[in-house]
């Protein structure tokens, strides 16, 4: 089994707010699957350490009433929970067990999602919108669409060039989004690194198509 790389995992969380991780869990699985996931993750802990789970959850549940907690960068919350997990695991000589620490982090996250599932006021408090449609990024798509319409109707460019021009403009849009927003949810890009990677890919593909069509 591949060992856990904590810096790599932390980097994936960087640039997102913690409530977005809870929102992701709420949208990706049913409550029943979430319960099964919680139980399964607890069973992944060394048997001697499973008794700490209830107290560990209760300690982190105390922060649910702090609205600022949910707005923190996920990587920072990850650091704090991992540090607390190591403290909880120390009596069992497991403070260096990265897998156990990450499992405790996942248990806390899944428990938050479990609690928020049927509590609309909690979801509203932590920042999860009742509407999941990403209007800002959807409206942003009007920019590359307008570019396609412009070059397609006002010039004699061929279809490949028009398509390349539109994709390149999408790349510019994503590049701006990666700097100022960090997400582009209409395309399922929820992390800054995803938006930046998609921007580079769109710019390269757009340039390639434009050159092929010329």
C-alpha atoms as a PDB file:
ATOM      1  CA  UNK A   1       0.000   0.000   0.000  1.00  0.00           C
ATOM      2  CA  UNK A   2       1.284   3.489  -0.887  1.00  0.00           C
ATOM      3  CA  UNK A   3       2.517   5.367   2.167  1.00  0.00           C
ATOM      4  CA  UNK A   4       0.795   8.606   3.095  1.00  0.00           C
ATOM      5  CA  UNK A   5       2.590  11.768   2.012  1.00  0.00           C
ATOM      6  CA  UNK A   6       1.417  14.450   4.440  1.00  0.00           C
ATOM      7  CA  UNK A   7       2.995  17.448   2.623  1.00  0.00           C
ATOM      8  CA  UNK A   8       1.412  16.303  -0.642  1.00  0.00           C
ATOM      9  CA  UNK A   9      -1.970  15.851   1.009  1.00  0.00           C
ATOM     10  CA  UNK A  10      -1.694  19.237   2.696  1.00  0.00           C
ATOM     11  CA  UNK A  11      -0.838  20.890  -0.631  1.00  0.00           C
ATOM     12  CA  UNK A  12      -4.044  19.535  -2.161  1.00  0.00           C
ATOM     13  CA  UNK A  13      -6.051  21.243   0.578  1.00  0.00           C
ATOM     14  CA  UNK A  14      -4.216  24.556   0.310  1.00  0.00           C
ATOM     15  CA  UNK A  15      -6.186  27.431  -1.169  1.00  0.00           C
ATOM     16  CA  UNK A  16      -9.623  26.115  -0.171  1.00  0.00           C
ATOM     17  CA  UNK A  17     -11.778  27.008   2.807  1.00  0.00           C
ATOM     18  CA  UNK A  18     -12.588  24.285   5.278  1.00  0.00           C
ATOM     19  CA  UNK A  19     -16.359  24.476   4.783  1.00  0.00           C
ATOM     20  CA  UNK A  20     -15.781  23.589   1.122  1.00  0.00           C
ATOM     21  CA  UNK A  21     -14.360  20.221   2.179  1.00  0.00           C
ATOM     22  CA  UNK A  22     -17.506  19.518   4.192  1.00  0.00           C
ATOM     23  CA  UNK A  23     -19.606  20.643   1.243  1.00  0.00           C
ATOM     24  CA  UNK A  24     -17.668  18.261  -1.015  1.00  0.00           C
ATOM     25  CA  UNK A  25     -18.408  15.333   1.303  1.00  0.00           C
ATOM     26  CA  UNK A  26     -22.094  16.240   1.457  1.00  0.00           C
ATOM     27  CA  UNK A  27     -22.382  16.248  -2.324  1.00  0.00           C
ATOM     28  CA  UNK A  28     -20.335  13.164  -3.137  1.00  0.00           C
ATOM     29  CA  UNK A  29     -22.060  10.489  -1.052  1.00  0.00           C
ATOM     30  CA  UNK A  30     -25.307   9.564   0.664  1.00  0.00           C
ATOM     31  CA  UNK A  31     -25.759   9.703   4.429  1.00  0.00           C
ATOM     32  CA  UNK A  32     -25.760   5.904   4.593  1.00  0.00           C
ATOM     33  CA  UNK A  33     -22.457   5.724   2.707  1.00  0.00           C
ATOM     34  CA  UNK A  34     -21.105   8.391   5.046  1.00  0.00           C
ATOM     35  CA  UNK A  35     -22.039   6.323   8.107  1.00  0.00           C
ATOM     36  CA  UNK A  36     -20.394   3.267   6.565  1.00  0.00           C
ATOM     37  CA  UNK A  37     -17.322   5.366   5.774  1.00  0.00           C
ATOM     38  CA  UNK A  38     -17.095   6.577   9.365  1.00  0.00           C
ATOM     39  CA  UNK A  39     -17.362   3.063  10.729  1.00  0.00           C
ATOM     40  CA  UNK A  40     -14.851   1.744   8.222  1.00  0.00           C
ATOM     41  CA  UNK A  41     -12.328   4.484   8.973  1.00  0.00           C
ATOM     42  CA  UNK A  42     -12.591   3.872  12.710  1.00  0.00           C
ATOM     43  CA  UNK A  43     -11.863   0.205  12.049  1.00  0.00           C
ATOM     44  CA  UNK A  44      -8.715   1.202  10.156  1.00  0.00           C
ATOM     45  CA  UNK A  45      -7.251   2.636  13.359  1.00  0.00           C
ATOM     46  CA  UNK A  46      -5.048   0.376  15.467  1.00  0.00           C
ATOM     47  CA  UNK A  47      -7.394  -1.424  17.838  1.00  0.00           C
ATOM     48  CA  UNK A  48      -5.690   0.029  20.898  1.00  0.00           C
ATOM     49  CA  UNK A  49      -6.405   3.584  19.685  1.00  0.00           C
ATOM     50  CA  UNK A  50     -10.065   3.256  18.753  1.00  0.00           C
ATOM     51  CA  UNK A  51     -11.151   4.315  22.219  1.00  0.00           C
ATOM     52  CA  UNK A  52      -9.908   7.879  21.614  1.00  0.00           C
ATOM     53  CA  UNK A  53     -12.339   8.513  18.759  1.00  0.00           C
ATOM     54  CA  UNK A  54     -15.346   9.674  20.780  1.00  0.00           C
ATOM     55  CA  UNK A  55     -13.360  12.173  22.828  1.00  0.00           C
ATOM     56  CA  UNK A  56     -11.466  13.358  19.755  1.00  0.00           C
ATOM     57  CA  UNK A  57     -14.720  14.046  17.882  1.00  0.00           C
ATOM     58  CA  UNK A  58     -16.210  15.843  20.901  1.00  0.00           C
ATOM     59  CA  UNK A  59     -13.147  18.074  21.189  1.00  0.00           C
ATOM     60  CA  UNK A  60     -13.405  19.185  17.553  1.00  0.00           C
ATOM     61  CA  UNK A  61     -17.187  19.485  17.724  1.00  0.00           C
ATOM     62  CA  UNK A  62     -16.635  22.315  20.196  1.00  0.00           C
ATOM     63  CA  UNK A  63     -15.440  24.465  17.273  1.00  0.00           C
ATOM     64  CA  UNK A  64     -18.597  24.076  15.218  1.00  0.00           C
ATOM     65  CA  UNK A  65     -20.027  27.287  16.743  1.00  0.00           C
ATOM     66  CA  UNK A  66     -17.047  29.350  15.622  1.00  0.00           C
ATOM     67  CA  UNK A  67     -17.984  30.726  12.196  1.00  0.00           C
ATOM     68  CA  UNK A  68     -14.393  31.766  11.521  1.00  0.00           C
ATOM     69  CA  UNK A  69     -13.282  28.145  11.881  1.00  0.00           C
ATOM     70  CA  UNK A  70     -15.157  27.147   8.728  1.00  0.00           C
ATOM     71  CA  UNK A  71     -13.579  29.967   6.724  1.00  0.00           C
ATOM     72  CA  UNK A  72     -10.010  28.954   7.537  1.00  0.00           C
ATOM     73  CA  UNK A  73      -7.758  27.497   4.871  1.00  0.00           C
ATOM     74  CA  UNK A  74      -8.263  23.727   4.829  1.00  0.00           C
ATOM     75  CA  UNK A  75      -4.514  23.111   4.973  1.00  0.00           C
ATOM     76  CA  UNK A  76      -4.301  25.022   8.275  1.00  0.00           C
ATOM     77  CA  UNK A  77      -7.170  23.047   9.801  1.00  0.00           C
ATOM     78  CA  UNK A  78      -5.506  19.876   8.510  1.00  0.00           C
ATOM     79  CA  UNK A  79      -2.288  20.842  10.334  1.00  0.00           C
ATOM     80  CA  UNK A  80      -4.152  21.478  13.596  1.00  0.00           C
ATOM     81  CA  UNK A  81      -6.149  18.249  13.513  1.00  0.00           C
ATOM     82  CA  UNK A  82      -3.082  16.188  12.602  1.00  0.00           C
ATOM     83  CA  UNK A  83      -1.129  17.765  15.486  1.00  0.00           C
ATOM     84  CA  UNK A  84      -3.990  17.032  17.877  1.00  0.00           C
ATOM     85  CA  UNK A  85      -4.233  13.485  16.529  1.00  0.00           C
ATOM     86  CA  UNK A  86      -0.557  12.886  17.290  1.00  0.00           C
ATOM     87  CA  UNK A  87      -1.140  14.067  20.855  1.00  0.00           C
ATOM     88  CA  UNK A  88      -4.121  11.713  21.201  1.00  0.00           C
ATOM     89  CA  UNK A  89      -2.085   8.804  19.802  1.00  0.00           C
ATOM     90  CA  UNK A  90       1.008   9.441  21.941  1.00  0.00           C
ATOM     91  CA  UNK A  91      -0.108   7.301  24.943  1.00  0.00           C
ATOM     92  CA  UNK A  92      -0.135   4.317  22.590  1.00  0.00           C
ATOM     93  CA  UNK A  93       3.298   5.116  21.078  1.00  0.00           C
ATOM     94  CA  UNK A  94       1.538   5.892  17.786  1.00  0.00           C
ATOM     95  CA  UNK A  95       2.328   9.615  17.516  1.00  0.00           C
ATOM     96  CA  UNK A  96       4.447   8.985  14.395  1.00  0.00           C
ATOM     97  CA  UNK A  97       1.762   6.873  12.695  1.00  0.00           C
ATOM     98  CA  UNK A  98       0.772   9.140   9.785  1.00  0.00           C
ATOM     99  CA  UNK A  99      -1.980   6.819   8.606  1.00  0.00           C
ATOM    100  CA  UNK A 100      -3.673   6.803  12.012  1.00  0.00           C
ATOM    101  CA  UNK A 101      -3.415  10.607  12.246  1.00  0.00           C
ATOM    102  CA  UNK A 102      -4.959  11.077   8.787  1.00  0.00           C
ATOM    103  CA  UNK A 103      -7.714   8.612   9.636  1.00  0.00           C
ATOM    104  CA  UNK A 104      -8.577  10.703  12.701  1.00  0.00           C
ATOM    105  CA  UNK A 105      -8.680  13.784  10.470  1.00  0.00           C
ATOM    106  CA  UNK A 106     -11.030  11.996   8.057  1.00  0.00           C
ATOM    107  CA  UNK A 107     -13.226  10.873  10.950  1.00  0.00           C
ATOM    108  CA  UNK A 108     -13.625  14.487  12.102  1.00  0.00           C
ATOM    109  CA  UNK A 109     -14.467  15.661   8.569  1.00  0.00           C
ATOM    110  CA  UNK A 110     -16.985  12.888   7.968  1.00  0.00           C
ATOM    111  CA  UNK A 111     -18.580  13.546  11.345  1.00  0.00           C
ATOM    112  CA  UNK A 112     -19.023  17.223  10.436  1.00  0.00           C
ATOM    113  CA  UNK A 113     -20.668  16.210   7.152  1.00  0.00           C
ATOM    114  CA  UNK A 114     -22.841  13.672   8.980  1.00  0.00           C
ATOM    115  CA  UNK A 115     -24.039  16.355  11.412  1.00  0.00           C
ATOM    116  CA  UNK A 116     -24.656  18.949   8.687  1.00  0.00           C
ATOM    117  CA  UNK A 117     -26.614  16.574   6.442  1.00  0.00           C
ATOM    118  CA  UNK A 118     -30.019  17.090   8.080  1.00  0.00           C
ATOM    119  CA  UNK A 119     -29.338  20.463   9.718  1.00  0.00           C
ATOM    120  CA  UNK A 120     -29.961  23.256   7.189  1.00  0.00           C
ATOM    121  CA  UNK A 121     -29.237  25.946   9.790  1.00  0.00           C
ATOM    122  CA  UNK A 122     -25.815  24.419  10.435  1.00  0.00           C
ATOM    123  CA  UNK A 123     -25.091  24.314   6.702  1.00  0.00           C
ATOM    124  CA  UNK A 124     -26.089  27.953   6.378  1.00  0.00           C
ATOM    125  CA  UNK A 125     -23.973  28.916   9.410  1.00  0.00           C
ATOM    126  CA  UNK A 126     -20.806  27.290   8.099  1.00  0.00           C
ATOM    127  CA  UNK A 127     -21.239  28.809   4.633  1.00  0.00           C
ATOM    128  CA  UNK A 128     -22.783  26.066   2.521  1.00  0.00           C
ATOM    129  CA  UNK A 129     -25.231  27.703   0.149  1.00  0.00           C
ATOM    130  CA  UNK A 130     -28.666  26.255  -0.393  1.00  0.00           C
ATOM    131  CA  UNK A 131     -28.139  26.600  -4.141  1.00  0.00           C
ATOM    132  CA  UNK A 132     -25.358  24.518  -5.647  1.00  0.00           C
ATOM    133  CA  UNK A 133     -25.390  26.109  -9.093  1.00  0.00           C
ATOM    134  CA  UNK A 134     -22.118  28.034  -9.646  1.00  0.00           C
ATOM    135  CA  UNK A 135     -23.467  31.205 -11.234  1.00  0.00           C
ATOM    136  CA  UNK A 136     -20.219  33.273 -11.181  1.00  0.00           C
ATOM    137  CA  UNK A 137     -18.223  30.761 -13.221  1.00  0.00           C
ATOM    138  CA  UNK A 138     -21.229  29.995 -15.455  1.00  0.00           C
ATOM    139  CA  UNK A 139     -21.523  33.668 -16.359  1.00  0.00           C
ATOM    140  CA  UNK A 140     -17.764  33.802 -16.866  1.00  0.00           C
ATOM    141  CA  UNK A 141     -18.151  31.350 -19.746  1.00  0.00           C
ATOM    142  CA  UNK A 142     -19.851  34.115 -21.699  1.00  0.00           C
ATOM    143  CA  UNK A 143     -16.367  35.544 -22.326  1.00  0.00           C
ATOM    144  CA  UNK A 144     -14.989  32.676 -24.467  1.00  0.00           C
ATOM    145  CA  UNK A 145     -18.432  32.171 -26.048  1.00  0.00           C
ATOM    146  CA  UNK A 146     -18.500  35.820 -27.105  1.00  0.00           C
ATOM    147  CA  UNK A 147     -14.978  35.429 -28.500  1.00  0.00           C
ATOM    148  CA  UNK A 148     -16.099  32.457 -30.607  1.00  0.00           C
ATOM    149  CA  UNK A 149     -19.147  34.336 -31.893  1.00  0.00           C
ATOM    150  CA  UNK A 150     -17.016  37.361 -32.760  1.00  0.00           C
ATOM    151  CA  UNK A 151     -14.321  35.557 -34.742  1.00  0.00           C
ATOM    152  CA  UNK A 152     -16.830  33.181 -36.297  1.00  0.00           C
ATOM    153  CA  UNK A 153     -19.099  35.929 -37.650  1.00  0.00           C
ATOM    154  CA  UNK A 154     -16.777  38.876 -38.214  1.00  0.00           C
ATOM    155  CA  UNK A 155     -13.877  37.054 -39.873  1.00  0.00           C
ATOM    156  CA  UNK A 156     -13.373  34.377 -42.493  1.00  0.00           C
ATOM    157  CA  UNK A 157     -11.550  32.052 -40.072  1.00  0.00           C
ATOM    158  CA  UNK A 158     -12.177  28.326 -40.427  1.00  0.00           C
ATOM    159  CA  UNK A 159     -13.876  26.160 -37.828  1.00  0.00           C
ATOM    160  CA  UNK A 160     -10.593  24.870 -36.338  1.00  0.00           C
ATOM    161  CA  UNK A 161      -9.241  28.390 -35.843  1.00  0.00           C
ATOM    162  CA  UNK A 162     -12.531  29.545 -34.319  1.00  0.00           C
ATOM    163  CA  UNK A 163     -12.511  26.615 -31.920  1.00  0.00           C
ATOM    164  CA  UNK A 164      -8.860  27.212 -31.029  1.00  0.00           C
ATOM    165  CA  UNK A 165      -9.543  30.904 -30.416  1.00  0.00           C
ATOM    166  CA  UNK A 166     -12.431  30.074 -28.092  1.00  0.00           C
ATOM    167  CA  UNK A 167     -10.435  27.509 -26.131  1.00  0.00           C
ATOM    168  CA  UNK A 168      -7.504  29.912 -25.804  1.00  0.00           C
ATOM    169  CA  UNK A 169      -9.843  32.580 -24.425  1.00  0.00           C
ATOM    170  CA  UNK A 170     -11.192  30.035 -21.974  1.00  0.00           C
ATOM    171  CA  UNK A 171      -7.587  29.502 -20.929  1.00  0.00           C
ATOM    172  CA  UNK A 172      -7.141  33.220 -20.250  1.00  0.00           C
ATOM    173  CA  UNK A 173     -10.369  33.220 -18.233  1.00  0.00           C
ATOM    174  CA  UNK A 174      -9.209  30.236 -16.161  1.00  0.00           C
ATOM    175  CA  UNK A 175      -5.817  31.844 -15.620  1.00  0.00           C
ATOM    176  CA  UNK A 176      -7.491  34.916 -14.118  1.00  0.00           C
ATOM    177  CA  UNK A 177      -9.782  32.686 -12.032  1.00  0.00           C
ATOM    178  CA  UNK A 178      -6.785  30.759 -10.684  1.00  0.00           C
ATOM    179  CA  UNK A 179      -5.284  33.997  -9.374  1.00  0.00           C
ATOM    180  CA  UNK A 180      -8.329  35.782  -7.992  1.00  0.00           C
ATOM    181  CA  UNK A 181     -10.905  33.117  -7.212  1.00  0.00           C
ATOM    182  CA  UNK A 182      -9.128  29.799  -6.980  1.00  0.00           C
ATOM    183  CA  UNK A 183     -12.130  27.856  -8.280  1.00  0.00           C
ATOM    184  CA  UNK A 184     -14.186  27.481 -11.458  1.00  0.00           C
ATOM    185  CA  UNK A 185     -17.023  25.323 -10.256  1.00  0.00           C
ATOM    186  CA  UNK A 186     -19.098  25.160 -13.441  1.00  0.00           C
ATOM    187  CA  UNK A 187     -16.297  22.955 -14.817  1.00  0.00           C
ATOM    188  CA  UNK A 188     -15.843  21.040 -11.561  1.00  0.00           C
ATOM    189  CA  UNK A 189     -12.567  22.808 -10.712  1.00  0.00           C
ATOM    190  CA  UNK A 190     -12.628  23.283  -6.942  1.00  0.00           C
ATOM    191  CA  UNK A 191      -8.941  23.862  -6.237  1.00  0.00           C
ATOM    192  CA  UNK A 192      -6.546  26.573  -7.381  1.00  0.00           C
ATOM    193  CA  UNK A 193      -4.067  24.050  -8.794  1.00  0.00           C
ATOM    194  CA  UNK A 194      -6.856  22.449 -10.852  1.00  0.00           C
ATOM    195  CA  UNK A 195      -7.914  25.799 -12.302  1.00  0.00           C
ATOM    196  CA  UNK A 196      -4.321  26.727 -13.125  1.00  0.00           C
ATOM    197  CA  UNK A 197      -3.647  23.347 -14.733  1.00  0.00           C
ATOM    198  CA  UNK A 198      -6.814  23.600 -16.831  1.00  0.00           C
ATOM    199  CA  UNK A 199      -5.809  27.131 -17.867  1.00  0.00           C
ATOM    200  CA  UNK A 200      -2.421  25.981 -19.143  1.00  0.00           C
ATOM    201  CA  UNK A 201      -3.989  23.010 -20.947  1.00  0.00           C
ATOM    202  CA  UNK A 202      -6.601  25.251 -22.609  1.00  0.00           C
ATOM    203  CA  UNK A 203      -3.983  27.785 -23.692  1.00  0.00           C
ATOM    204  CA  UNK A 204      -1.780  25.068 -25.208  1.00  0.00           C
ATOM    205  CA  UNK A 205      -4.695  23.314 -26.948  1.00  0.00           C
ATOM    206  CA  UNK A 206      -6.072  26.614 -28.239  1.00  0.00           C
ATOM    207  CA  UNK A 207      -2.689  27.613 -29.637  1.00  0.00           C
ATOM    208  CA  UNK A 208      -2.273  24.177 -31.263  1.00  0.00           C
ATOM    209  CA  UNK A 209      -5.688  24.296 -32.937  1.00  0.00           C
ATOM    210  CA  UNK A 210      -5.141  27.869 -34.135  1.00  0.00           C
ATOM    211  CA  UNK A 211      -1.838  26.879 -35.728  1.00  0.00           C
ATOM    212  CA  UNK A 212      -3.326  23.757 -37.330  1.00  0.00           C
ATOM    213  CA  UNK A 213      -6.119  25.786 -38.859  1.00  0.00           C
ATOM    214  CA  UNK A 214      -3.938  28.553 -40.250  1.00  0.00           C
END
